[in-house]
Amino acid sequence: MNFSKKAEYALRAVVAMSRSVPGTVFSIQSLSHNERIPLKFLEQILLILRKGGLLQSKRGAGGGYQLARPADRITLCEILEQVDGPLDILPGGGSTSAGLSSVFAQLRGDLRAWLEDLTIADVLQREQQGGAGSFEI
């Protein structure tokens, strides 16, 4: 299963925002520069996450985006599904046998459950345990 580049950028942006003090407002330009995410692409992603209730926006001087909830209440599943839509790992557009369909349905359920339990705070904790490095999926 591959996640889109848009999903990777969304995860990176939310993780970056979560590293700061709660309530910090981030300009799109600074996030784009610091996380090496194309500005126009990031604008689209942050708008999706705002509409989905994960981010809030502030207008005017000093405006930008901030997390709408604490990092321990934002799951990876929420971010991925807001950006890419429902998780789907069934290959071939559903043309597999009943047995394989059942296996992939269970795998999708297991993956979804794991991603629903994994929060941005968990990702930050893993960063601290393993040292800060790049975030790749």
C-alpha atoms as a PDB file:
ATOM      1  CA  MET A   1       0.000   0.000   0.000  1.00  0.00           C
ATOM      2  CA  ASN A   2       1.293   3.410  -0.933  1.00  0.00           C
ATOM      3  CA  PHE A   3       0.129   6.707   0.478  1.00  0.00           C
ATOM      4  CA  SER A   4       0.083   9.738  -1.773  1.00  0.00           C
ATOM      5  CA  LYS A   5       2.680  12.479  -1.620  1.00  0.00           C
ATOM      6  CA  LYS A   6      -0.138  14.723  -0.408  1.00  0.00           C
ATOM      7  CA  ALA A   7      -0.717  12.379   2.566  1.00  0.00           C
ATOM      8  CA  GLU A   8       3.002  12.318   3.362  1.00  0.00           C
ATOM      9  CA  TYR A   9       3.137  16.123   3.292  1.00  0.00           C
ATOM     10  CA  ALA A  10       0.030  16.374   5.485  1.00  0.00           C
ATOM     11  CA  LEU A  11       1.567  14.063   8.083  1.00  0.00           C
ATOM     12  CA  ARG A  12       4.868  15.950   7.999  1.00  0.00           C
ATOM     13  CA  ALA A  13       3.122  19.315   8.404  1.00  0.00           C
ATOM     14  CA  VAL A  14       0.990  18.168  11.350  1.00  0.00           C
ATOM     15  CA  VAL A  15       3.964  16.519  13.060  1.00  0.00           C
ATOM     16  CA  ALA A  16       6.016  19.708  12.591  1.00  0.00           C
ATOM     17  CA  MET A  17       3.220  21.807  14.076  1.00  0.00           C
ATOM     18  CA  SER A  18       2.935  19.399  16.998  1.00  0.00           C
ATOM     19  CA  ARG A  19       6.573  19.885  17.975  1.00  0.00           C
ATOM     20  CA  SER A  20       5.830  23.430  19.155  1.00  0.00           C
ATOM     21  CA  VAL A  21       3.964  24.805  22.132  1.00  0.00           C
ATOM     22  CA  PRO A  22       0.171  24.304  21.821  1.00  0.00           C
ATOM     23  CA  GLY A  23      -1.501  27.340  20.298  1.00  0.00           C
ATOM     24  CA  THR A  24       1.482  28.279  18.133  1.00  0.00           C
ATOM     25  CA  VAL A  25       0.391  29.753  14.804  1.00  0.00           C
ATOM     26  CA  PHE A  26       2.378  28.715  11.725  1.00  0.00           C
ATOM     27  CA  SER A  27       2.594  30.650   8.503  1.00  0.00           C
ATOM     28  CA  ILE A  28       2.231  28.612   5.362  1.00  0.00           C
ATOM     29  CA  GLN A  29       5.531  30.043   4.136  1.00  0.00           C
ATOM     30  CA  SER A  30       7.505  28.932   7.202  1.00  0.00           C
ATOM     31  CA  LEU A  31       5.992  25.426   7.167  1.00  0.00           C
ATOM     32  CA  SER A  32       6.677  25.143   3.453  1.00  0.00           C
ATOM     33  CA  HIS A  33      10.273  26.226   3.876  1.00  0.00           C
ATOM     34  CA  ASN A  34      11.059  24.232   7.034  1.00  0.00           C
ATOM     35  CA  GLU A  35       9.451  20.991   5.838  1.00  0.00           C
ATOM     36  CA  ARG A  36      10.467  21.391   2.179  1.00  0.00           C
ATOM     37  CA  ILE A  37       6.864  21.113   0.971  1.00  0.00           C
ATOM     38  CA  PRO A  38       5.868  23.012  -2.193  1.00  0.00           C
ATOM     39  CA  LEU A  39       3.907  26.106  -1.119  1.00  0.00           C
ATOM     40  CA  LYS A  40       0.900  25.690  -3.436  1.00  0.00           C
ATOM     41  CA  PHE A  41       0.604  22.007  -2.501  1.00  0.00           C
ATOM     42  CA  LEU A  42       0.800  22.839   1.217  1.00  0.00           C
ATOM     43  CA  GLU A  43      -1.912  25.497   0.867  1.00  0.00           C
ATOM     44  CA  GLN A  44      -4.285  22.852  -0.535  1.00  0.00           C
ATOM     45  CA  ILE A  45      -3.388  20.352   2.177  1.00  0.00           C
ATOM     46  CA  LEU A  46      -3.851  22.793   5.055  1.00  0.00           C
ATOM     47  CA  LEU A  47      -7.217  23.857   3.675  1.00  0.00           C
ATOM     48  CA  ILE A  48      -8.353  20.212   3.595  1.00  0.00           C
ATOM     49  CA  LEU A  49      -7.185  19.691   7.185  1.00  0.00           C
ATOM     50  CA  ARG A  50      -8.908  22.905   8.302  1.00  0.00           C
ATOM     51  CA  LYS A  51     -12.181  21.862   6.693  1.00  0.00           C
ATOM     52  CA  GLY A  52     -11.782  18.471   8.388  1.00  0.00           C
ATOM     53  CA  GLY A  53     -11.473  20.095  11.817  1.00  0.00           C
ATOM     54  CA  LEU A  54      -7.828  19.234  12.492  1.00  0.00           C
ATOM     55  CA  LEU A  55      -6.529  22.777  12.004  1.00  0.00           C
ATOM     56  CA  GLN A  56      -7.757  26.280  12.712  1.00  0.00           C
ATOM     57  CA  SER A  57      -6.802  29.323  10.703  1.00  0.00           C
ATOM     58  CA  LYS A  58      -6.075  32.838  11.899  1.00  0.00           C
ATOM     59  CA  ARG A  59      -6.302  35.818   9.586  1.00  0.00           C
ATOM     60  CA  GLY A  60      -4.293  38.996   9.481  1.00  0.00           C
ATOM     61  CA  ALA A  61      -0.826  39.895  10.651  1.00  0.00           C
ATOM     62  CA  GLY A  62       0.674  36.952  12.479  1.00  0.00           C
ATOM     63  CA  GLY A  63      -1.963  34.722  10.935  1.00  0.00           C
ATOM     64  CA  GLY A  64      -1.624  31.207   9.692  1.00  0.00           C
ATOM     65  CA  TYR A  65      -2.632  27.771  10.920  1.00  0.00           C
ATOM     66  CA  GLN A  66      -2.607  26.017  14.273  1.00  0.00           C
ATOM     67  CA  LEU A  67      -3.703  22.628  15.529  1.00  0.00           C
ATOM     68  CA  ALA A  68      -7.362  22.494  16.493  1.00  0.00           C
ATOM     69  CA  ARG A  69      -6.733  19.712  19.028  1.00  0.00           C
ATOM     70  CA  PRO A  70      -3.820  18.422  21.076  1.00  0.00           C
ATOM     71  CA  ALA A  71      -1.456  15.990  19.334  1.00  0.00           C
ATOM     72  CA  ASP A  72      -2.695  13.100  21.470  1.00  0.00           C
ATOM     73  CA  ARG A  73      -6.183  13.569  20.002  1.00  0.00           C
ATOM     74  CA  ILE A  74      -5.190  13.570  16.322  1.00  0.00           C
ATOM     75  CA  THR A  75      -4.803  10.147  14.740  1.00  0.00           C
ATOM     76  CA  LEU A  76      -2.838   9.230  11.664  1.00  0.00           C
ATOM     77  CA  CYS A  77      -5.984   7.635  10.271  1.00  0.00           C
ATOM     78  CA  GLU A  78      -7.841  10.964  10.398  1.00  0.00           C
ATOM     79  CA  ILE A  79      -5.126  12.764   8.501  1.00  0.00           C
ATOM     80  CA  LEU A  80      -4.696  10.060   5.875  1.00  0.00           C
ATOM     81  CA  GLU A  81      -8.421   9.704   5.230  1.00  0.00           C
ATOM     82  CA  GLN A  82      -9.009  13.455   5.061  1.00  0.00           C
ATOM     83  CA  VAL A  83      -6.314  13.799   2.428  1.00  0.00           C
ATOM     84  CA  ASP A  84      -6.542  10.508   0.486  1.00  0.00           C
ATOM     85  CA  GLY A  85     -10.038   9.273   1.298  1.00  0.00           C
ATOM     86  CA  PRO A  86     -10.913   5.872   2.769  1.00  0.00           C
ATOM     87  CA  LEU A  87      -8.083   3.374   3.127  1.00  0.00           C
ATOM     88  CA  ASP A  88      -8.196   0.849   0.297  1.00  0.00           C
ATOM     89  CA  ILE A  89      -5.646  -1.897  -0.096  1.00  0.00           C
ATOM     90  CA  LEU A  90      -7.580  -4.326  -2.280  1.00  0.00           C
ATOM     91  CA  PRO A  91      -5.522  -4.793  -5.448  1.00  0.00           C
ATOM     92  CA  GLY A  92      -6.938  -5.051  -8.935  1.00  0.00           C
ATOM     93  CA  GLY A  93     -10.130  -3.127  -8.334  1.00  0.00           C
ATOM     94  CA  GLY A  94     -11.801  -6.021  -6.528  1.00  0.00           C
ATOM     95  CA  SER A  95     -11.115  -8.727  -9.121  1.00  0.00           C
ATOM     96  CA  THR A  96      -9.540 -11.145  -6.640  1.00  0.00           C
ATOM     97  CA  SER A  97     -10.953 -14.411  -5.344  1.00  0.00           C
ATOM     98  CA  ALA A  98     -13.294 -14.537  -2.361  1.00  0.00           C
ATOM     99  CA  GLY A  99     -10.468 -15.863  -0.188  1.00  0.00           C
ATOM    100  CA  LEU A 100      -8.096 -13.059  -1.122  1.00  0.00           C
ATOM    101  CA  SER A 101     -10.860 -10.490  -0.758  1.00  0.00           C
ATOM    102  CA  SER A 102     -11.419 -11.727   2.777  1.00  0.00           C
ATOM    103  CA  VAL A 103      -7.697 -11.546   3.575  1.00  0.00           C
ATOM    104  CA  PHE A 104      -7.411  -7.996   2.225  1.00  0.00           C
ATOM    105  CA  ALA A 105     -10.579  -6.922   4.056  1.00  0.00           C
ATOM    106  CA  GLN A 106      -9.074  -8.172   7.327  1.00  0.00           C
ATOM    107  CA  LEU A 107      -5.764  -6.484   6.537  1.00  0.00           C
ATOM    108  CA  ARG A 108      -7.554  -3.199   5.777  1.00  0.00           C
ATOM    109  CA  GLY A 109      -9.446  -3.474   9.088  1.00  0.00           C
ATOM    110  CA  ASP A 110      -6.270  -4.250  11.042  1.00  0.00           C
ATOM    111  CA  LEU A 111      -4.387  -1.381   9.393  1.00  0.00           C
ATOM    112  CA  ARG A 112      -7.256   1.022   9.986  1.00  0.00           C
ATOM    113  CA  ALA A 113      -7.498   0.011  13.668  1.00  0.00           C
ATOM    114  CA  TRP A 114      -3.741   0.499  14.123  1.00  0.00           C
ATOM    115  CA  LEU A 115      -3.800   3.924  12.422  1.00  0.00           C
ATOM    116  CA  GLU A 116      -6.830   4.945  14.525  1.00  0.00           C
ATOM    117  CA  ASP A 117      -4.869   4.115  17.684  1.00  0.00           C
ATOM    118  CA  LEU A 118      -1.673   5.857  16.569  1.00  0.00           C
ATOM    119  CA  THR A 119      -1.669   9.565  17.388  1.00  0.00           C
ATOM    120  CA  ILE A 120       0.628  12.396  16.426  1.00  0.00           C
ATOM    121  CA  ALA A 121       1.790  12.402  20.068  1.00  0.00           C
ATOM    122  CA  ASP A 122       2.876   8.768  19.577  1.00  0.00           C
ATOM    123  CA  VAL A 123       4.901   9.812  16.527  1.00  0.00           C
ATOM    124  CA  LEU A 124       6.576  12.587  18.549  1.00  0.00           C
ATOM    125  CA  GLN A 125       7.382  10.117  21.318  1.00  0.00           C
ATOM    126  CA  ARG A 126       8.993   7.769  18.796  1.00  0.00           C
ATOM    127  CA  GLU A 127      11.038  10.674  17.442  1.00  0.00           C
ATOM    128  CA  GLN A 128      12.324  11.440  20.930  1.00  0.00           C
ATOM    129  CA  GLN A 129      13.172   7.799  21.603  1.00  0.00           C
ATOM    130  CA  GLY A 130      14.961   7.316  18.315  1.00  0.00           C
ATOM    131  CA  GLY A 131      16.394  10.773  17.939  1.00  0.00           C
ATOM    132  CA  ALA A 132      15.035  13.405  15.611  1.00  0.00           C
ATOM    133  CA  GLY A 133      15.295  12.359  12.018  1.00  0.00           C
ATOM    134  CA  SER A 134      13.377  12.613   8.832  1.00  0.00           C
ATOM    135  CA  PHE A 135       9.769  11.490   8.751  1.00  0.00           C
ATOM    136  CA  GLU A 136       9.216   9.095   5.867  1.00  0.00           C
ATOM    137  CA  ILE A 137       6.325   6.819   5.011  1.00  0.00           C
END
